[in-house]
Amino acid sequence: MARQFILAIDQGTTGSTVLVVDVTVPDATSIIGRHTIEFSQYYPQTGWVEHDLEGIWSSVSEAATQAMAHASVSDPGFSPDRIIALGLTNQRETLCVLERGTYRPLHRGIVWQCKRSADIVARLRAEGYEQLVRERTGLVLDPYFSGTKITWLLENRPEIAAKLRQGQAVVGTIDTFLIARLTAGRSFVTEASNASRTLAFNIHTGSWDPDLLRLLAIPNADIFPQVADSAGEFGRTKGLSFLPDGIPICGVLGDQQAALAGQTCFSPGEAKCTYGTGAFLLATQGSKALASRAGLLTTVAWSLGGKRTYAFEGSAFIAGAAVQFLRDQLNLIHHASETESLAASTTAAPEVYFVPALAGLGAPYWDAKAQGAFFGLTRGTTRSQLIRAVLEGITLQVAELTVAVQQDLGAPLQVLRVDGGAASNSLLMQMQADYGGVRVDRPANLETTAFGAALFAGLGVGLYADLEHLRRVRRTERIFSPASSAEDGVRVAAHLAGWHRAIRAVQVFAGTA
């Protein structure tokens, strides 16, 4: 049997990961190579976050090179010329401004966490555009999304504004930038789930919306890339030092949608939560875009054969980043892996709480001015309690998202599938089951974001027949069931009540309550 492999790129907020996936037996895939390269974050002003796009490209090329070297050692049957497809998933709302034709960066990437456009958002809200944005995009007006970042550049960077208005510059998300580089500038394209995060894309028509462009003061739709199907062909590799020419790029998804695919949540009501820098819960809706009544977003999950599937999404901006905060800013731990053992021996709620609003509050509050806080500290508060409070803060955020999803779906979640680095923490996952009141399903492969891109790449090249075929690839490693005694119920209710008091206190301090 001829050996076949897929290369999957996961370009994230703090690093780029590349997997080499053996798909020789499609229903029994295995990861034979993996490598991650971290890159620098830039904070020019308070609340601003930027990425060096050339640094991102270097991290991708180096991660791919090292992943393939690893694959060659672990499996002598691997060689780059046996890669049948390339899948790509990426941080979604980060804005790239590129020179037309060359796709050379003209500005640092403005990261999804960046709050520089908060005043523009406030102005648009005051002008009454919230409802239009919600109806056309499924989103809310928030600095999180890339549209108001474009407006900010038009208002604050005259040299960039002139190039955009004269057609000398274009904009895109990270997928657009990477595909242009992978194809030697032959493809200027994006994918529907990424386009749906821009505030400029109409999720019902599947096109850039002229009314939205006007309210964002964007000169015309020509500065945006062509929108393609999620498992279509986006181009072929060309002129790369680390890959042969001609490999089709056939699976592209925004990171959270890729995780939804990697968890094989293809039917309405199936849901996953990814614990990365933030925590992102998505629940599949189906072929009709439903509006949320509980503060969630409606987003494109993927587009296949010109038909879009939609999902509800709830975002907590800080999850794994809260553990990094413990390590890097507070110096309470040396390694993230320490948190499970340290937190297991103590209690925090209902005495001590941590609200992880280090980049504002996401769904269901959408409060960009909120800031993080510990509550309930005394002279007796211990290091272990602070660590446990941080873990509980992550899970309490997600518990609110599960409640919101269930309200919007009109039915309880039967199971929540989980992935991302923090999902390896069994204490965290048991807390999630208890606070959310839902079974938590942890897969054998936690790399579901990159894996979802690999599955869609396989779908794009005909390796898999359809979405149902993809379900056979996923494996469960462990189920966490919620605590079910009456005593547990009282305890969880008390913890949730204290959490809501802490959230209100954060908003009072921010002046938004």
Protein backbone atom coordinates (compact mmCIF):
# COMPACT_ATOMS: atom_id res chain seq x y z
CA MET A 1 0.00 0.00 0.00
CA ALA A 2 1.39 3.39 -0.99
CA ARG A 3 2.07 5.59 2.02
CA GLN A 4 0.13 8.88 2.25
CA PHE A 5 0.48 11.84 4.60
CA ILE A 6 -1.19 15.17 5.31
CA LEU A 7 0.65 18.20 6.69
CA ALA A 8 -1.51 20.24 9.08
CA ILE A 9 -0.56 23.78 10.12
CA ASP A 10 -2.11 25.28 13.27
CA GLN A 11 -1.11 28.94 13.42
CA GLY A 12 -2.10 30.15 16.91
CA THR A 13 -1.81 33.27 19.04
CA THR A 14 1.44 32.39 20.80
CA GLY A 15 2.93 29.73 18.55
CA SER A 16 2.69 27.74 15.34
CA THR A 17 2.26 23.96 15.45
CA VAL A 18 2.66 21.60 12.52
CA LEU A 19 1.57 17.96 12.47
CA VAL A 20 2.49 15.23 10.03
CA VAL A 21 -0.49 12.88 9.88
CA ASP A 22 -0.25 9.37 8.46
CA VAL A 23 -3.46 8.77 6.48
CA THR A 24 -2.35 5.62 4.68
CA VAL A 25 -5.27 3.89 6.43
CA PRO A 26 -7.80 6.76 6.51
CA ASP A 27 -9.86 5.42 9.46
CA ALA A 28 -6.76 4.78 11.57
CA THR A 29 -4.80 7.99 11.24
CA SER A 30 -1.77 8.63 13.41
CA ILE A 31 0.42 11.64 14.11
CA ILE A 32 4.02 10.76 13.27
CA GLY A 33 5.57 14.22 13.48
CA ARG A 34 4.87 17.33 15.51
CA HIS A 35 6.66 20.56 16.31
CA THR A 36 5.74 23.94 17.81
CA ILE A 37 7.61 27.22 17.47
CA GLU A 38 6.63 30.10 19.73
CA PHE A 39 6.95 33.72 18.62
CA SER A 40 6.99 37.14 20.23
CA GLN A 41 4.00 39.22 21.25
CA TYR A 42 4.25 43.02 21.05
CA TYR A 43 2.41 45.44 23.34
CA PRO A 44 3.10 48.99 22.02
CA GLN A 45 0.55 50.56 24.37
CA THR A 46 -1.76 49.42 27.14
CA GLY A 47 -4.45 47.24 25.59
CA TRP A 48 -2.67 46.94 22.23
CA VAL A 49 -1.40 43.56 20.98
CA GLU A 50 0.55 43.01 17.77
CA HIS A 51 2.35 40.21 15.91
CA ASP A 52 5.29 40.43 13.51
CA LEU A 53 3.87 38.65 10.44
CA GLU A 54 7.33 37.77 9.17
CA GLY A 55 7.95 36.18 12.57
CA ILE A 56 4.77 34.16 12.16
CA TRP A 57 5.87 32.97 8.72
CA SER A 58 9.28 32.00 10.11
CA SER A 59 7.61 30.07 12.92
CA VAL A 60 5.43 28.17 10.43
CA SER A 61 8.29 27.28 8.10
CA GLU A 62 10.53 26.21 10.98
CA ALA A 63 7.77 24.18 12.68
CA ALA A 64 7.04 22.42 9.37
CA THR A 65 10.72 21.65 8.83
CA GLN A 66 11.13 20.23 12.34
CA ALA A 67 7.84 18.28 12.25
CA MET A 68 8.91 16.58 9.02
CA ALA A 69 12.35 15.84 10.47
CA HIS A 70 10.62 14.24 13.45
CA ALA A 71 8.37 12.26 11.10
CA SER A 72 11.37 10.99 9.13
CA VAL A 73 12.93 9.64 12.33
CA SER A 74 9.76 8.07 13.71
CA ASP A 75 8.65 6.59 10.39
CA PRO A 76 11.22 5.75 7.68
CA GLY A 77 8.35 5.49 5.20
CA PHE A 78 7.73 9.23 5.37
CA SER A 79 9.04 11.65 2.78
CA PRO A 80 7.74 15.12 1.84
CA ASP A 81 6.88 13.99 -1.68
CA ARG A 82 4.28 11.63 -0.18
CA ILE A 83 2.29 14.52 1.32
CA ILE A 84 -1.03 14.45 -0.55
CA ALA A 85 -2.54 17.63 0.93
CA LEU A 86 -1.93 20.52 3.27
CA GLY A 87 -4.49 21.65 5.88
CA LEU A 88 -4.41 25.03 7.58
CA THR A 89 -6.09 26.45 10.65
CA ASN A 90 -5.39 29.80 12.22
CA GLN A 91 -6.15 32.44 14.82
CA ARG A 92 -9.14 34.13 13.24
CA GLU A 93 -9.66 37.83 13.88
CA THR A 94 -6.04 39.00 13.69
CA LEU A 95 -5.75 41.56 10.89
CA CYS A 96 -3.05 41.48 8.21
CA VAL A 97 -2.39 44.44 5.90
CA LEU A 98 -0.41 43.41 2.83
CA GLU A 99 1.01 44.96 -0.31
CA ARG A 100 -1.11 43.96 -3.28
CA GLY A 101 0.63 41.40 -5.50
CA THR A 102 3.67 40.76 -3.30
CA TYR A 103 1.66 40.20 -0.09
CA ARG A 104 4.49 41.75 1.87
CA PRO A 105 3.29 42.94 5.32
CA LEU A 106 2.79 46.70 5.52
CA HIS A 107 1.99 46.73 9.25
CA ARG A 108 2.31 44.39 12.17
CA GLY A 109 -0.64 42.05 12.56
CA ILE A 110 -3.26 43.57 14.88
CA VAL A 111 -4.19 40.69 17.17
CA TRP A 112 -7.73 39.65 18.08
CA GLN A 113 -6.96 40.55 21.72
CA CYS A 114 -6.12 44.16 20.79
CA LYS A 115 -8.45 46.84 22.18
CA ARG A 116 -7.22 49.84 20.16
CA SER A 117 -10.55 50.16 18.30
CA ALA A 118 -12.69 50.32 21.47
CA ASP A 119 -13.60 53.98 20.86
CA ILE A 120 -14.67 53.18 17.30
CA VAL A 121 -16.87 50.38 18.63
CA ALA A 122 -18.43 52.76 21.17
CA ARG A 123 -19.11 55.29 18.42
CA LEU A 124 -20.78 52.73 16.15
CA ARG A 125 -22.92 51.52 19.02
CA ALA A 126 -23.95 55.08 19.82
CA GLU A 127 -24.88 55.58 16.15
CA GLY A 128 -27.24 52.60 16.40
CA TYR A 129 -25.46 50.03 14.21
CA GLU A 130 -25.50 47.13 16.70
CA GLN A 131 -28.66 45.57 15.31
CA LEU A 132 -27.52 45.76 11.68
CA VAL A 133 -24.21 44.14 12.55
CA ARG A 134 -25.92 41.39 14.53
CA GLU A 135 -28.40 40.63 11.73
CA ARG A 136 -25.86 40.53 8.89
CA THR A 137 -22.83 38.97 10.63
CA GLY A 138 -24.13 37.09 13.68
CA LEU A 139 -21.54 39.04 15.70
CA VAL A 140 -21.61 41.92 18.15
CA LEU A 141 -19.76 45.21 17.84
CA ASP A 142 -16.55 44.52 19.73
CA PRO A 143 -12.83 45.29 19.22
CA TYR A 144 -12.30 41.51 19.09
CA PHE A 145 -13.26 41.38 15.41
CA SER A 146 -11.07 42.62 12.59
CA GLY A 147 -13.47 45.09 10.93
CA THR A 148 -13.01 47.94 13.39
CA LYS A 149 -9.25 47.33 13.30
CA ILE A 150 -9.39 48.25 9.59
CA THR A 151 -11.36 51.40 10.48
CA TRP A 152 -8.71 52.29 13.06
CA LEU A 153 -5.94 52.01 10.46
CA LEU A 154 -7.92 54.16 8.02
CA GLU A 155 -8.32 56.83 10.70
CA ASN A 156 -4.88 56.65 12.31
CA ARG A 157 -2.32 55.49 9.75
CA PRO A 158 -2.45 57.87 6.73
CA GLU A 159 0.15 55.96 4.72
CA ILE A 160 -1.80 52.69 5.09
CA ALA A 161 -5.12 54.44 4.41
CA ALA A 162 -3.78 55.92 1.17
CA LYS A 163 -2.56 52.54 -0.07
CA LEU A 164 -5.89 50.88 0.77
CA ARG A 165 -7.88 53.61 -1.02
CA GLN A 166 -5.58 53.51 -4.06
CA GLY A 167 -5.75 49.72 -4.34
CA GLN A 168 -2.08 49.27 -3.50
CA ALA A 169 -2.82 47.37 -0.27
CA VAL A 170 -5.17 44.57 0.73
CA VAL A 171 -6.37 43.09 4.01
CA GLY A 172 -6.93 39.57 5.21
CA THR A 173 -6.78 37.26 8.15
CA ILE A 174 -3.86 34.96 8.95
CA ASP A 175 -5.07 32.27 6.55
CA THR A 176 -4.90 34.76 3.66
CA PHE A 177 -1.34 35.75 4.52
CA LEU A 178 -0.09 32.17 4.92
CA ILE A 179 -1.78 30.88 1.76
CA ALA A 180 -0.24 33.73 -0.23
CA ARG A 181 3.19 32.78 1.11
CA LEU A 182 2.67 29.05 0.59
CA THR A 183 1.69 29.62 -3.05
CA ALA A 184 4.35 32.24 -3.93
CA GLY A 185 1.66 34.92 -4.15
CA ARG A 186 -0.55 33.04 -6.59
CA SER A 187 -3.54 32.85 -4.23
CA PHE A 188 -5.29 35.77 -2.52
CA VAL A 189 -8.07 33.91 -0.80
CA THR A 190 -9.79 33.25 2.52
CA GLU A 191 -12.32 30.74 3.78
CA ALA A 192 -15.88 31.23 4.97
CA SER A 193 -15.37 30.64 8.71
CA ASN A 194 -12.49 33.14 8.75
CA ALA A 195 -14.42 35.67 6.65
CA SER A 196 -17.33 35.44 9.07
CA ARG A 197 -15.17 36.99 11.83
CA THR A 198 -14.45 40.28 10.07
CA LEU A 199 -17.68 42.29 10.67
CA ALA A 200 -17.75 42.83 6.90
CA PHE A 201 -19.05 39.44 5.73
CA ASN A 202 -22.76 38.70 5.39
CA ILE A 203 -23.16 35.16 6.72
CA HIS A 204 -26.54 34.75 4.99
CA THR A 205 -25.44 35.69 1.46
CA GLY A 206 -21.86 34.46 1.78
CA SER A 207 -20.39 37.73 0.45
CA TRP A 208 -18.78 40.98 1.54
CA ASP A 209 -21.65 43.29 2.50
CA PRO A 210 -21.70 46.84 1.01
CA ASP A 211 -23.69 48.28 3.95
CA LEU A 212 -21.20 46.90 6.44
CA LEU A 213 -18.29 48.25 4.40
CA ARG A 214 -19.89 51.72 4.50
CA LEU A 215 -20.40 51.76 8.25
CA LEU A 216 -16.77 50.66 8.74
CA ALA A 217 -15.61 53.36 6.22
CA ILE A 218 -13.90 50.65 4.14
CA PRO A 219 -13.41 51.98 0.58
CA ASN A 220 -14.51 48.87 -1.34
CA ALA A 221 -14.68 45.07 -1.28
CA ASP A 222 -11.67 44.75 -3.60
CA ILE A 223 -9.30 44.98 -0.64
CA PHE A 224 -10.72 41.68 0.70
CA PRO A 225 -9.76 38.21 -0.57
CA GLN A 226 -11.97 35.82 -2.48
CA VAL A 227 -13.98 33.54 -0.15
CA ALA A 228 -13.67 29.81 -0.86
CA ASP A 229 -15.22 26.59 0.48
CA SER A 230 -13.57 25.13 3.57
CA ALA A 231 -12.49 21.92 1.79
CA GLY A 232 -11.91 23.47 -1.62
CA GLU A 233 -8.53 23.92 -3.24
CA PHE A 234 -6.94 27.20 -2.13
CA GLY A 235 -3.83 26.86 -4.27
CA ARG A 236 -0.73 24.70 -4.47
CA THR A 237 2.63 25.04 -2.81
CA LYS A 238 5.22 26.90 -4.85
CA GLY A 239 8.81 27.98 -4.30
CA LEU A 240 9.20 26.77 -0.70
CA SER A 241 12.47 25.59 0.79
CA PHE A 242 10.76 23.04 3.03
CA LEU A 243 8.01 21.53 0.81
CA PRO A 244 7.82 20.29 -2.79
CA ASP A 245 5.87 22.32 -5.34
CA GLY A 246 2.33 21.29 -6.21
CA ILE A 247 0.90 20.09 -2.88
CA PRO A 248 -2.78 21.14 -2.81
CA ILE A 249 -3.95 23.29 0.11
CA CYS A 250 -7.36 21.69 0.54
CA GLY A 251 -8.61 22.21 4.08
CA VAL A 252 -8.76 25.66 5.71
CA LEU A 253 -10.76 26.63 8.80
CA GLY A 254 -10.59 29.19 11.58
CA ASP A 255 -9.11 27.60 14.67
CA GLN A 256 -12.33 27.11 16.64
CA GLN A 257 -14.21 25.78 13.65
CA ALA A 258 -11.31 23.40 12.96
CA ALA A 259 -11.61 22.09 16.51
CA LEU A 260 -15.37 21.65 16.00
CA ALA A 261 -14.55 19.57 12.90
CA GLY A 262 -11.77 17.68 14.68
CA GLN A 263 -14.25 16.76 17.42
CA THR A 264 -16.65 15.60 14.64
CA CYS A 265 -19.47 17.82 15.93
CA PHE A 266 -21.39 17.70 12.67
CA SER A 267 -24.99 17.35 13.93
CA PRO A 268 -27.12 20.12 15.48
CA GLY A 269 -26.57 20.37 19.23
CA GLU A 270 -23.13 18.74 19.28
CA ALA A 271 -20.65 20.98 21.10
CA LYS A 272 -16.98 21.33 21.93
CA CYS A 273 -14.84 23.65 24.04
CA THR A 274 -11.21 24.39 23.22
CA TYR A 275 -8.93 25.52 26.05
CA GLY A 276 -6.14 27.51 24.50
CA THR A 277 -5.15 31.13 25.14
CA GLY A 278 -8.90 31.62 25.62
CA ALA A 279 -11.75 29.13 25.95
CA PHE A 280 -14.11 28.83 23.01
CA LEU A 281 -17.33 26.83 23.08
CA LEU A 282 -19.04 26.09 19.76
CA ALA A 283 -22.28 24.20 19.20
CA THR A 284 -23.37 23.19 15.72
CA GLN A 285 -26.68 24.71 14.55
CA GLY A 286 -27.15 23.24 11.07
CA SER A 287 -27.88 24.84 7.72
CA LYS A 288 -29.95 27.74 9.08
CA ALA A 289 -28.32 30.65 10.92
CA LEU A 290 -30.13 31.09 14.25
CA ALA A 291 -29.86 34.29 16.29
CA SER A 292 -28.74 33.96 19.91
CA ARG A 293 -30.92 35.24 22.72
CA ALA A 294 -28.33 34.51 25.39
CA GLY A 295 -25.37 36.68 24.37
CA LEU A 296 -23.65 34.18 22.07
CA LEU A 297 -22.44 34.72 18.52
CA THR A 298 -23.71 33.04 15.38
CA THR A 299 -20.83 32.12 13.14
CA VAL A 300 -20.10 30.09 10.02
CA ALA A 301 -18.83 26.66 11.04
CA TRP A 302 -17.75 25.71 7.51
CA SER A 303 -18.83 25.84 3.90
CA LEU A 304 -18.95 22.68 1.79
CA GLY A 305 -20.22 22.49 -1.74
CA GLY A 306 -21.35 26.12 -1.50
CA LYS A 307 -23.60 25.31 1.47
CA ARG A 308 -22.82 26.89 4.82
CA THR A 309 -23.22 25.24 8.23
CA TYR A 310 -23.58 27.55 11.24
CA ALA A 311 -22.69 27.36 14.92
CA PHE A 312 -23.33 29.20 18.16
CA GLU A 313 -20.10 30.44 19.74
CA GLY A 314 -19.25 31.65 23.21
CA SER A 315 -15.81 33.08 23.84
CA ALA A 316 -13.92 33.52 27.10
CA PHE A 317 -10.88 35.53 26.09
CA ILE A 318 -8.59 34.25 28.85
CA ALA A 319 -8.20 30.57 29.77
CA GLY A 320 -4.75 29.05 29.35
CA ALA A 321 -3.42 32.62 29.39
CA ALA A 322 -4.56 32.83 33.04
CA VAL A 323 -2.15 30.02 33.90
CA GLN A 324 0.59 31.86 31.97
CA PHE A 325 -0.31 34.92 34.08
CA LEU A 326 0.27 32.86 37.25
CA ARG A 327 3.63 31.74 35.89
CA ASP A 328 5.01 34.79 34.14
CA GLN A 329 3.54 37.78 35.98
CA LEU A 330 2.79 36.49 39.49
CA ASN A 331 5.60 33.89 39.63
CA LEU A 332 3.38 31.51 41.61
CA ILE A 333 4.34 28.48 39.52
CA HIS A 334 7.27 27.44 37.35
CA HIS A 335 5.35 25.20 34.96
CA ALA A 336 1.69 24.98 33.96
CA SER A 337 1.72 21.28 34.83
CA GLU A 338 2.12 22.15 38.53
CA THR A 339 -1.39 23.61 38.80
CA GLU A 340 -3.25 20.30 38.99
CA SER A 341 -1.39 18.90 42.01
CA LEU A 342 -1.23 22.24 43.85
CA ALA A 343 -4.93 23.01 43.36
CA ALA A 344 -6.14 19.50 44.21
CA SER A 345 -5.18 19.85 47.87
CA THR A 346 -7.18 22.99 48.69
CA THR A 347 -10.45 24.89 48.13
CA ALA A 348 -11.09 28.37 46.76
CA ALA A 349 -14.77 29.08 46.00
CA PRO A 350 -16.98 30.10 47.71
CA GLU A 351 -14.38 32.16 49.64
CA VAL A 352 -11.84 33.06 46.94
CA TYR A 353 -12.61 33.82 43.28
CA PHE A 354 -10.61 34.89 40.27
CA VAL A 355 -12.31 36.62 37.33
CA PRO A 356 -9.99 36.13 34.30
CA ALA A 357 -11.00 39.37 32.58
CA LEU A 358 -7.40 40.17 31.64
CA ALA A 359 -8.54 41.05 28.11
CA GLY A 360 -12.12 42.07 28.94
CA LEU A 361 -15.14 39.81 29.30
CA GLY A 362 -16.37 37.86 26.30
CA ALA A 363 -19.72 36.10 25.98
CA PRO A 364 -22.29 36.51 27.35
CA TYR A 365 -21.21 39.94 28.75
CA TRP A 366 -19.16 41.50 25.93
CA ASP A 367 -17.55 44.03 28.25
CA ALA A 368 -14.26 45.22 26.75
CA LYS A 369 -13.53 47.50 29.73
CA ALA A 370 -13.68 44.77 32.39
CA GLN A 371 -10.41 43.86 34.09
CA GLY A 372 -9.30 40.77 36.00
CA ALA A 373 -9.50 40.51 39.79
CA PHE A 374 -9.12 38.23 42.79
CA PHE A 375 -11.86 38.45 45.40
CA GLY A 376 -12.09 37.22 48.99
CA LEU A 377 -8.40 37.50 49.88
CA THR A 378 -7.42 37.42 53.56
CA ARG A 379 -4.14 37.04 55.42
CA GLY A 380 -4.87 33.35 55.48
CA THR A 381 -5.14 33.01 51.69
CA THR A 382 -2.56 30.57 50.35
CA ARG A 383 -0.68 30.21 47.09
CA SER A 384 -2.57 26.98 46.39
CA GLN A 385 -5.91 28.74 46.86
CA LEU A 386 -4.95 31.40 44.33
CA ILE A 387 -3.97 28.70 41.84
CA ARG A 388 -7.22 26.82 42.41
CA ALA A 389 -9.21 30.05 42.06
CA VAL A 390 -7.62 30.60 38.65
CA LEU A 391 -8.57 27.11 37.49
CA GLU A 392 -12.09 27.58 38.84
CA GLY A 393 -12.35 30.95 37.10
CA ILE A 394 -11.61 29.25 33.78
CA THR A 395 -14.29 26.60 34.31
CA LEU A 396 -16.89 29.00 35.72
CA GLN A 397 -16.60 31.11 32.57
CA VAL A 398 -17.20 28.05 30.42
CA ALA A 399 -20.08 26.90 32.64
CA GLU A 400 -21.85 30.17 31.80
CA LEU A 401 -21.31 29.46 28.12
CA THR A 402 -22.84 25.99 28.44
CA VAL A 403 -25.92 27.52 30.08
CA ALA A 404 -26.20 30.08 27.26
CA VAL A 405 -25.85 27.40 24.55
CA GLN A 406 -28.53 25.27 26.17
CA GLN A 407 -30.87 28.28 26.34
CA ASP A 408 -30.34 29.02 22.65
CA LEU A 409 -30.65 25.39 21.57
CA GLY A 410 -33.72 24.89 23.76
CA ALA A 411 -32.33 21.57 24.93
CA PRO A 412 -29.66 20.32 27.35
CA LEU A 413 -26.21 19.40 26.08
CA GLN A 414 -25.70 15.67 26.27
CA VAL A 415 -21.93 15.96 26.23
CA LEU A 416 -19.24 18.63 25.89
CA ARG A 417 -16.19 17.53 23.90
CA VAL A 418 -12.98 19.22 25.04
CA ASP A 419 -9.53 19.81 23.63
CA GLY A 420 -6.56 22.13 23.82
CA GLY A 421 -3.58 22.05 26.16
CA ALA A 422 -5.49 22.70 29.38
CA ALA A 423 -7.86 19.80 28.67
CA SER A 424 -5.05 17.47 29.80
CA ASN A 425 -5.61 18.77 33.36
CA SER A 426 -8.02 16.18 34.82
CA LEU A 427 -8.89 18.34 37.83
CA LEU A 428 -9.88 21.17 35.49
CA MET A 429 -12.04 18.83 33.42
CA GLN A 430 -13.80 17.41 36.51
CA MET A 431 -14.50 20.98 37.68
CA GLN A 432 -15.89 21.69 34.21
CA ALA A 433 -18.25 18.74 34.42
CA ASP A 434 -19.39 19.77 37.93
CA TYR A 435 -19.94 23.46 37.22
CA GLY A 436 -21.46 22.94 33.80
CA GLY A 437 -23.59 19.98 34.85
CA VAL A 438 -22.69 18.14 31.64
CA ARG A 439 -20.55 15.12 30.78
CA VAL A 440 -17.11 16.10 29.48
CA ASP A 441 -15.58 13.94 26.74
CA ARG A 442 -11.80 14.17 26.36
CA PRO A 443 -10.42 12.65 23.14
CA ALA A 444 -7.32 10.52 22.79
CA ASN A 445 -5.89 13.23 20.53
CA LEU A 446 -5.95 16.69 22.12
CA GLU A 447 -4.53 18.28 18.93
CA THR A 448 -8.04 18.52 17.50
CA THR A 449 -7.59 21.98 15.97
CA ALA A 450 -4.79 20.90 13.64
CA PHE A 451 -6.46 17.51 13.30
CA GLY A 452 -9.68 19.16 12.08
CA ALA A 453 -7.71 20.95 9.37
CA ALA A 454 -6.12 17.63 8.40
CA LEU A 455 -9.53 15.93 8.21
CA PHE A 456 -10.91 18.68 5.95
CA ALA A 457 -7.81 18.49 3.79
CA GLY A 458 -8.47 14.77 3.45
CA LEU A 459 -12.07 15.54 2.57
CA GLY A 460 -10.90 18.02 -0.04
CA VAL A 461 -8.68 15.50 -1.84
CA GLY A 462 -11.27 12.72 -1.70
CA LEU A 463 -9.59 10.64 1.01
CA TYR A 464 -12.84 10.76 3.01
CA ALA A 465 -16.22 10.40 1.33
CA ASP A 466 -18.23 12.73 3.58
CA LEU A 467 -18.57 14.12 7.11
CA GLU A 468 -20.02 10.85 8.43
CA HIS A 469 -16.85 9.12 7.28
CA LEU A 470 -14.83 11.53 9.45
CA ARG A 471 -16.69 10.45 12.61
CA ARG A 472 -14.94 7.08 12.51
CA VAL A 473 -11.56 8.71 13.05
CA ARG A 474 -12.19 10.26 16.50
CA ARG A 475 -11.45 8.31 19.71
CA THR A 476 -12.52 9.11 23.31
CA GLU A 477 -9.88 8.84 26.04
CA ARG A 478 -11.96 9.65 29.16
CA ILE A 479 -15.43 10.81 30.22
CA PHE A 480 -15.85 13.12 33.23
CA SER A 481 -19.33 12.93 34.76
CA PRO A 482 -20.76 15.78 36.88
CA ALA A 483 -21.10 15.34 40.64
CA SER A 484 -24.66 14.21 41.26
CA SER A 485 -25.39 14.12 45.01
CA ALA A 486 -27.69 16.65 46.69
CA GLU A 487 -24.73 17.93 48.70
CA ASP A 488 -22.74 18.46 45.50
CA GLY A 489 -25.66 20.38 44.01
CA VAL A 490 -25.78 22.78 46.96
CA ARG A 491 -22.02 23.30 46.78
CA VAL A 492 -22.03 24.03 43.05
CA ALA A 493 -24.99 26.43 43.41
CA ALA A 494 -23.12 28.36 46.14
CA HIS A 495 -20.00 28.59 44.00
CA LEU A 496 -21.98 29.84 41.01
CA ALA A 497 -23.75 32.48 43.11
CA GLY A 498 -20.39 33.78 44.35
CA TRP A 499 -19.07 33.82 40.80
CA HIS A 500 -21.92 36.04 39.65
CA ARG A 501 -21.22 38.46 42.53
CA ALA A 502 -17.57 38.59 41.46
CA ILE A 503 -18.53 39.28 37.83
CA ARG A 504 -20.82 42.11 38.92
CA ALA A 505 -18.04 43.59 41.09
CA VAL A 506 -15.64 43.60 38.12
CA GLN A 507 -18.21 45.41 36.01
CA VAL A 508 -18.94 47.93 38.78
CA PHE A 509 -15.21 48.67 39.00
CA ALA A 510 -15.07 49.10 35.22
CA GLY A 511 -18.07 51.44 35.33
CA THR A 512 -20.10 49.21 33.02
CA ALA A 513 -22.62 47.75 35.51
